[in-house]
């Protein structure tokens, strides 16, 4: 992988060590179950390649901002999980402290990835 780009794991795990592992917050059980169920649906779809035999199947699953997996993820991110984050962590996101300075691999032009096909 081009060193200018990171894996998905590197994007997610960047700067987690800066947050105290013992720190706890109180969350809505209903919102947490919503997020848990959303992640479960992502796993349920992507764990079996037979569920996505072609790009059309993936596009149908992903959907749009109004329906489908993208809608669920946006609900989790913007309406459920975001309100659970403490103010100081919001400030760190706003200041870029928690954001990986390297782009994820999918920002790389496709021909640099060795393929011009998606």
N, C-alpha and C. Protein backbone atom coordinates (compact mmCIF):
# COMPACT_ATOMS: atom_id res chain seq x y z
N UNK A 1 0.85 -1.18 0.00
CA UNK A 1 0.00 0.00 0.00
C UNK A 1 0.89 1.24 0.00
N UNK A 2 0.50 2.21 -0.76
CA UNK A 2 1.20 3.49 -0.82
C UNK A 2 1.26 4.09 0.59
N UNK A 3 2.43 4.51 1.02
CA UNK A 3 2.62 5.03 2.38
C UNK A 3 1.85 6.33 2.64
N UNK A 4 1.40 6.99 1.58
CA UNK A 4 0.61 8.20 1.77
C UNK A 4 -0.81 7.88 2.23
N UNK A 5 -1.18 6.61 2.13
CA UNK A 5 -2.54 6.19 2.45
C UNK A 5 -2.53 5.15 3.54
N UNK A 6 -3.62 5.03 4.27
CA UNK A 6 -3.71 4.10 5.38
C UNK A 6 -4.80 3.06 5.12
N UNK A 7 -4.76 2.03 5.94
CA UNK A 7 -5.83 1.03 5.90
C UNK A 7 -7.04 1.57 6.66
N UNK A 8 -8.14 0.89 6.52
CA UNK A 8 -9.34 1.25 7.26
C UNK A 8 -9.08 1.12 8.77
N UNK A 9 -8.38 0.06 9.15
CA UNK A 9 -8.06 -0.13 10.56
C UNK A 9 -7.22 1.01 11.11
N UNK A 10 -6.23 1.44 10.35
CA UNK A 10 -5.39 2.56 10.80
C UNK A 10 -6.20 3.84 10.97
N UNK A 11 -7.18 4.05 10.12
CA UNK A 11 -8.04 5.22 10.25
C UNK A 11 -8.84 5.16 11.55
N UNK A 12 -9.43 4.01 11.83
CA UNK A 12 -10.28 3.86 13.01
C UNK A 12 -9.47 3.89 14.30
N UNK A 13 -8.29 3.27 14.31
CA UNK A 13 -7.52 3.14 15.54
C UNK A 13 -6.61 4.32 15.84
N UNK A 14 -6.48 5.26 14.89
CA UNK A 14 -5.59 6.40 15.08
C UNK A 14 -6.00 7.18 16.33
N UNK A 15 -5.07 7.44 17.19
CA UNK A 15 -5.18 8.27 18.40
C UNK A 15 -6.04 7.67 19.51
N UNK A 16 -6.50 6.43 19.38
CA UNK A 16 -7.28 5.83 20.46
C UNK A 16 -6.48 5.76 21.75
N UNK A 17 -5.16 5.61 21.64
CA UNK A 17 -4.32 5.53 22.83
C UNK A 17 -4.35 6.82 23.65
N UNK A 18 -4.80 7.91 23.06
CA UNK A 18 -4.85 9.18 23.79
C UNK A 18 -6.08 9.28 24.69
N UNK A 19 -6.97 8.30 24.61
CA UNK A 19 -8.19 8.31 25.43
C UNK A 19 -8.03 7.25 26.52
N UNK A 20 -8.23 7.65 27.74
CA UNK A 20 -8.09 6.74 28.88
C UNK A 20 -9.04 5.56 28.72
N UNK A 21 -8.47 4.35 28.74
CA UNK A 21 -9.25 3.13 28.55
C UNK A 21 -10.30 2.94 29.64
N UNK A 22 -10.06 3.50 30.81
CA UNK A 22 -10.99 3.36 31.93
C UNK A 22 -12.09 4.41 31.95
N UNK A 23 -12.01 5.38 31.07
CA UNK A 23 -13.02 6.44 31.06
C UNK A 23 -14.36 5.87 30.64
N UNK A 24 -15.42 6.25 31.34
CA UNK A 24 -16.76 5.73 31.06
C UNK A 24 -17.73 6.89 30.85
N UNK A 25 -18.76 6.62 30.07
CA UNK A 25 -19.84 7.59 29.88
C UNK A 25 -21.16 6.84 29.98
N UNK A 26 -22.22 7.55 30.25
CA UNK A 26 -23.54 6.95 30.29
C UNK A 26 -24.21 7.17 28.94
N UNK A 27 -24.83 6.13 28.43
CA UNK A 27 -25.48 6.23 27.12
C UNK A 27 -26.90 5.69 27.20
N UNK A 28 -27.70 6.09 26.24
CA UNK A 28 -29.05 5.57 26.09
C UNK A 28 -28.96 4.12 25.61
N UNK A 29 -29.56 3.20 26.37
CA UNK A 29 -29.54 1.80 25.96
C UNK A 29 -30.22 1.63 24.61
N UNK A 30 -31.27 2.37 24.36
CA UNK A 30 -31.99 2.27 23.08
C UNK A 30 -31.10 2.69 21.92
N UNK A 31 -30.37 3.80 22.08
CA UNK A 31 -29.48 4.26 21.01
C UNK A 31 -28.30 3.31 20.81
N UNK A 32 -27.79 2.75 21.91
CA UNK A 32 -26.70 1.80 21.80
C UNK A 32 -27.15 0.53 21.07
N UNK A 33 -28.36 0.05 21.36
CA UNK A 33 -28.88 -1.13 20.67
C UNK A 33 -29.09 -0.81 19.19
N UNK A 34 -29.55 0.40 18.88
CA UNK A 34 -29.71 0.81 17.47
C UNK A 34 -28.36 0.72 16.75
N UNK A 35 -27.31 1.26 17.36
CA UNK A 35 -25.98 1.22 16.75
C UNK A 35 -25.48 -0.22 16.66
N UNK A 36 -25.68 -1.00 17.69
CA UNK A 36 -25.27 -2.40 17.70
C UNK A 36 -25.97 -3.17 16.58
N UNK A 37 -27.27 -2.98 16.45
CA UNK A 37 -28.03 -3.66 15.40
C UNK A 37 -27.58 -3.22 14.01
N UNK A 38 -27.23 -1.96 13.86
CA UNK A 38 -26.74 -1.46 12.57
C UNK A 38 -25.43 -2.14 12.21
N UNK A 39 -24.52 -2.21 13.15
CA UNK A 39 -23.23 -2.89 12.89
C UNK A 39 -23.49 -4.37 12.60
N UNK A 40 -24.41 -4.98 13.31
CA UNK A 40 -24.74 -6.38 13.07
C UNK A 40 -25.24 -6.58 11.63
N UNK A 41 -26.04 -5.68 11.12
CA UNK A 41 -26.52 -5.78 9.73
C UNK A 41 -25.36 -5.64 8.74
N UNK A 42 -24.41 -4.77 9.04
CA UNK A 42 -23.24 -4.62 8.17
C UNK A 42 -22.46 -5.94 8.13
N UNK A 43 -22.25 -6.53 9.29
CA UNK A 43 -21.55 -7.81 9.37
C UNK A 43 -22.36 -8.89 8.66
N UNK A 44 -23.66 -8.90 8.89
CA UNK A 44 -24.51 -9.90 8.27
C UNK A 44 -24.46 -9.86 6.75
N UNK A 45 -24.33 -8.67 6.20
CA UNK A 45 -24.24 -8.54 4.74
C UNK A 45 -22.83 -8.88 4.26
N UNK A 46 -21.82 -8.26 4.84
CA UNK A 46 -20.47 -8.37 4.30
C UNK A 46 -19.73 -9.66 4.67
N UNK A 47 -20.19 -10.42 5.64
CA UNK A 47 -19.46 -11.63 6.02
C UNK A 47 -19.55 -12.72 4.96
N UNK A 48 -20.53 -12.63 4.08
CA UNK A 48 -20.74 -13.68 3.08
C UNK A 48 -20.71 -13.08 1.67
N UNK A 49 -19.67 -13.34 0.90
CA UNK A 49 -19.58 -12.78 -0.45
C UNK A 49 -20.77 -13.14 -1.36
N UNK A 50 -21.50 -14.19 -1.03
CA UNK A 50 -22.70 -14.51 -1.81
C UNK A 50 -23.76 -13.43 -1.70
N UNK A 51 -23.69 -12.60 -0.66
CA UNK A 51 -24.66 -11.51 -0.49
C UNK A 51 -24.38 -10.35 -1.43
N UNK A 52 -23.16 -10.28 -1.97
CA UNK A 52 -22.80 -9.19 -2.88
C UNK A 52 -22.06 -9.74 -4.10
N UNK A 53 -22.80 -10.41 -4.97
CA UNK A 53 -22.18 -11.01 -6.15
C UNK A 53 -21.72 -10.00 -7.19
N UNK A 54 -22.22 -8.75 -7.09
CA UNK A 54 -21.85 -7.72 -8.06
C UNK A 54 -22.04 -6.35 -7.41
N UNK A 55 -21.59 -5.33 -8.11
CA UNK A 55 -21.66 -3.97 -7.58
C UNK A 55 -23.11 -3.52 -7.36
N UNK A 56 -24.04 -4.01 -8.17
CA UNK A 56 -25.45 -3.64 -8.01
C UNK A 56 -25.98 -4.11 -6.66
N UNK A 57 -25.56 -5.29 -6.22
CA UNK A 57 -26.01 -5.81 -4.92
C UNK A 57 -25.47 -4.94 -3.79
N UNK A 58 -24.22 -4.49 -3.91
CA UNK A 58 -23.63 -3.62 -2.89
C UNK A 58 -24.34 -2.27 -2.89
N UNK A 59 -24.59 -1.72 -4.06
CA UNK A 59 -25.28 -0.43 -4.16
C UNK A 59 -26.69 -0.50 -3.56
N UNK A 60 -27.39 -1.61 -3.81
CA UNK A 60 -28.73 -1.77 -3.24
C UNK A 60 -28.66 -1.81 -1.72
N UNK A 61 -27.70 -2.55 -1.17
CA UNK A 61 -27.54 -2.63 0.27
C UNK A 61 -27.19 -1.27 0.86
N UNK A 62 -26.24 -0.58 0.25
CA UNK A 62 -25.81 0.72 0.75
C UNK A 62 -26.96 1.73 0.72
N UNK A 63 -27.73 1.73 -0.34
CA UNK A 63 -28.88 2.62 -0.42
C UNK A 63 -28.48 4.07 -0.56
N UNK A 64 -29.14 4.93 0.22
CA UNK A 64 -28.93 6.38 0.11
C UNK A 64 -29.06 7.01 1.49
N UNK A 65 -29.03 8.32 1.52
CA UNK A 65 -29.20 9.02 2.80
C UNK A 65 -30.59 8.83 3.38
N UNK A 66 -31.52 8.36 2.55
CA UNK A 66 -32.91 8.20 3.01
C UNK A 66 -33.31 6.77 3.35
N UNK A 67 -32.55 5.78 2.89
CA UNK A 67 -32.90 4.38 3.14
C UNK A 67 -31.68 3.49 2.91
N UNK A 68 -31.66 2.37 3.58
CA UNK A 68 -30.57 1.41 3.40
C UNK A 68 -29.46 1.59 4.42
N UNK A 69 -28.35 0.89 4.18
CA UNK A 69 -27.23 0.87 5.13
C UNK A 69 -26.64 2.26 5.36
N UNK A 70 -26.50 3.05 4.30
CA UNK A 70 -25.94 4.39 4.49
C UNK A 70 -26.84 5.22 5.41
N UNK A 71 -28.13 5.10 5.24
CA UNK A 71 -29.08 5.81 6.10
C UNK A 71 -28.89 5.39 7.57
N UNK A 72 -28.77 4.08 7.81
CA UNK A 72 -28.57 3.59 9.17
C UNK A 72 -27.26 4.10 9.77
N UNK A 73 -26.19 4.04 8.98
CA UNK A 73 -24.90 4.53 9.47
C UNK A 73 -24.95 6.03 9.79
N UNK A 74 -25.60 6.80 8.94
CA UNK A 74 -25.72 8.24 9.19
C UNK A 74 -26.54 8.51 10.45
N UNK A 75 -27.60 7.75 10.66
CA UNK A 75 -28.40 7.88 11.88
C UNK A 75 -27.52 7.61 13.10
N UNK A 76 -26.75 6.53 13.05
CA UNK A 76 -25.86 6.20 14.17
C UNK A 76 -24.87 7.33 14.43
N UNK A 77 -24.24 7.79 13.38
CA UNK A 77 -23.17 8.78 13.51
C UNK A 77 -23.70 10.15 13.95
N UNK A 78 -24.69 10.66 13.25
CA UNK A 78 -25.14 12.04 13.47
C UNK A 78 -26.20 12.19 14.57
N UNK A 79 -26.97 11.14 14.85
CA UNK A 79 -28.07 11.31 15.80
C UNK A 79 -27.95 10.46 17.06
N UNK A 80 -27.20 9.39 16.99
CA UNK A 80 -27.11 8.51 18.15
C UNK A 80 -25.76 8.65 18.86
N UNK A 81 -24.69 8.30 18.18
CA UNK A 81 -23.37 8.27 18.82
C UNK A 81 -22.79 9.66 19.07
N UNK A 82 -23.01 10.57 18.16
CA UNK A 82 -22.40 11.90 18.30
C UNK A 82 -22.81 12.58 19.61
N UNK A 83 -24.05 12.41 20.02
CA UNK A 83 -24.51 13.06 21.26
C UNK A 83 -23.95 12.37 22.50
N UNK A 84 -23.40 11.17 22.34
CA UNK A 84 -22.81 10.45 23.46
C UNK A 84 -21.39 10.92 23.76
N UNK A 85 -20.73 11.53 22.80
CA UNK A 85 -19.34 11.95 23.00
C UNK A 85 -19.24 13.13 23.95
N UNK A 86 -18.35 13.06 24.92
CA UNK A 86 -18.14 14.20 25.82
C UNK A 86 -17.63 15.42 25.06
N UNK A 87 -17.86 16.59 25.64
CA UNK A 87 -17.50 17.86 24.99
C UNK A 87 -16.01 17.94 24.65
N UNK A 88 -15.13 17.44 25.54
CA UNK A 88 -13.70 17.53 25.28
C UNK A 88 -13.30 16.67 24.07
N UNK A 89 -13.95 15.56 23.88
CA UNK A 89 -13.65 14.72 22.72
C UNK A 89 -14.18 15.38 21.45
N UNK A 90 -15.34 16.00 21.52
CA UNK A 90 -15.84 16.78 20.37
C UNK A 90 -14.82 17.85 19.98
N UNK A 91 -14.26 18.54 20.98
CA UNK A 91 -13.28 19.58 20.70
C UNK A 91 -12.04 19.00 20.04
N UNK A 92 -11.62 17.81 20.47
CA UNK A 92 -10.46 17.18 19.84
C UNK A 92 -10.74 16.81 18.39
N UNK A 93 -11.96 16.35 18.11
CA UNK A 93 -12.33 16.10 16.71
C UNK A 93 -12.35 17.41 15.93
N UNK A 94 -12.97 18.45 16.50
CA UNK A 94 -13.04 19.75 15.82
C UNK A 94 -11.65 20.31 15.54
N UNK A 95 -10.70 20.06 16.44
CA UNK A 95 -9.33 20.54 16.27
C UNK A 95 -8.46 19.62 15.44
N UNK A 96 -9.01 18.50 15.02
CA UNK A 96 -8.26 17.57 14.19
C UNK A 96 -7.32 16.65 14.95
N UNK A 97 -7.34 16.73 16.28
CA UNK A 97 -6.42 15.94 17.10
C UNK A 97 -6.66 14.44 16.91
N UNK A 98 -7.89 14.02 16.76
CA UNK A 98 -8.22 12.60 16.65
C UNK A 98 -8.28 12.10 15.21
N UNK A 99 -8.08 13.00 14.26
CA UNK A 99 -8.15 12.63 12.85
C UNK A 99 -6.78 12.21 12.33
N UNK A 100 -6.74 11.08 11.68
CA UNK A 100 -5.50 10.60 11.07
C UNK A 100 -5.10 11.59 9.97
N UNK A 101 -3.87 12.12 9.99
CA UNK A 101 -3.47 13.07 8.96
C UNK A 101 -3.29 12.43 7.58
N UNK A 102 -3.13 11.12 7.53
CA UNK A 102 -3.02 10.42 6.25
C UNK A 102 -4.41 10.02 5.78
N UNK A 103 -4.60 10.03 4.49
CA UNK A 103 -5.89 9.65 3.91
C UNK A 103 -6.04 8.14 3.86
N UNK A 104 -7.27 7.64 3.93
CA UNK A 104 -7.48 6.20 3.76
C UNK A 104 -7.24 5.80 2.31
N UNK A 105 -6.90 4.53 2.11
CA UNK A 105 -6.53 4.04 0.78
C UNK A 105 -7.59 4.33 -0.28
N UNK A 106 -8.86 4.38 0.09
CA UNK A 106 -9.90 4.58 -0.92
C UNK A 106 -9.96 6.01 -1.45
N UNK A 107 -9.15 6.91 -0.90
CA UNK A 107 -9.00 8.26 -1.48
C UNK A 107 -7.96 8.27 -2.60
N UNK A 108 -7.19 7.21 -2.66
CA UNK A 108 -6.14 7.07 -3.68
C UNK A 108 -6.80 6.86 -5.05
N UNK A 109 -6.29 7.52 -6.07
CA UNK A 109 -6.85 7.28 -7.41
C UNK A 109 -6.78 5.79 -7.76
N UNK A 110 -7.81 5.29 -8.40
CA UNK A 110 -7.90 3.86 -8.66
C UNK A 110 -6.74 3.34 -9.49
N UNK A 111 -6.23 4.12 -10.43
CA UNK A 111 -5.12 3.60 -11.23
C UNK A 111 -3.85 3.44 -10.39
N UNK A 112 -3.68 4.20 -9.31
CA UNK A 112 -2.54 4.03 -8.41
C UNK A 112 -2.70 2.80 -7.54
N UNK A 113 -3.91 2.28 -7.42
CA UNK A 113 -4.17 1.08 -6.64
C UNK A 113 -3.90 -0.16 -7.48
N UNK A 114 -3.53 0.04 -8.73
CA UNK A 114 -3.27 -1.09 -9.60
C UNK A 114 -4.48 -1.55 -10.38
N UNK A 115 -5.54 -0.78 -10.32
CA UNK A 115 -6.75 -1.17 -11.03
C UNK A 115 -7.52 0.10 -11.41
N UNK A 116 -8.09 0.08 -12.58
CA UNK A 116 -8.94 1.20 -12.96
C UNK A 116 -10.41 0.79 -12.89
N UNK A 117 -10.66 -0.37 -12.28
CA UNK A 117 -12.02 -0.88 -12.14
C UNK A 117 -12.41 -0.84 -10.68
N UNK A 118 -13.65 -0.50 -10.46
CA UNK A 118 -14.17 -0.50 -9.08
C UNK A 118 -14.86 -1.83 -8.83
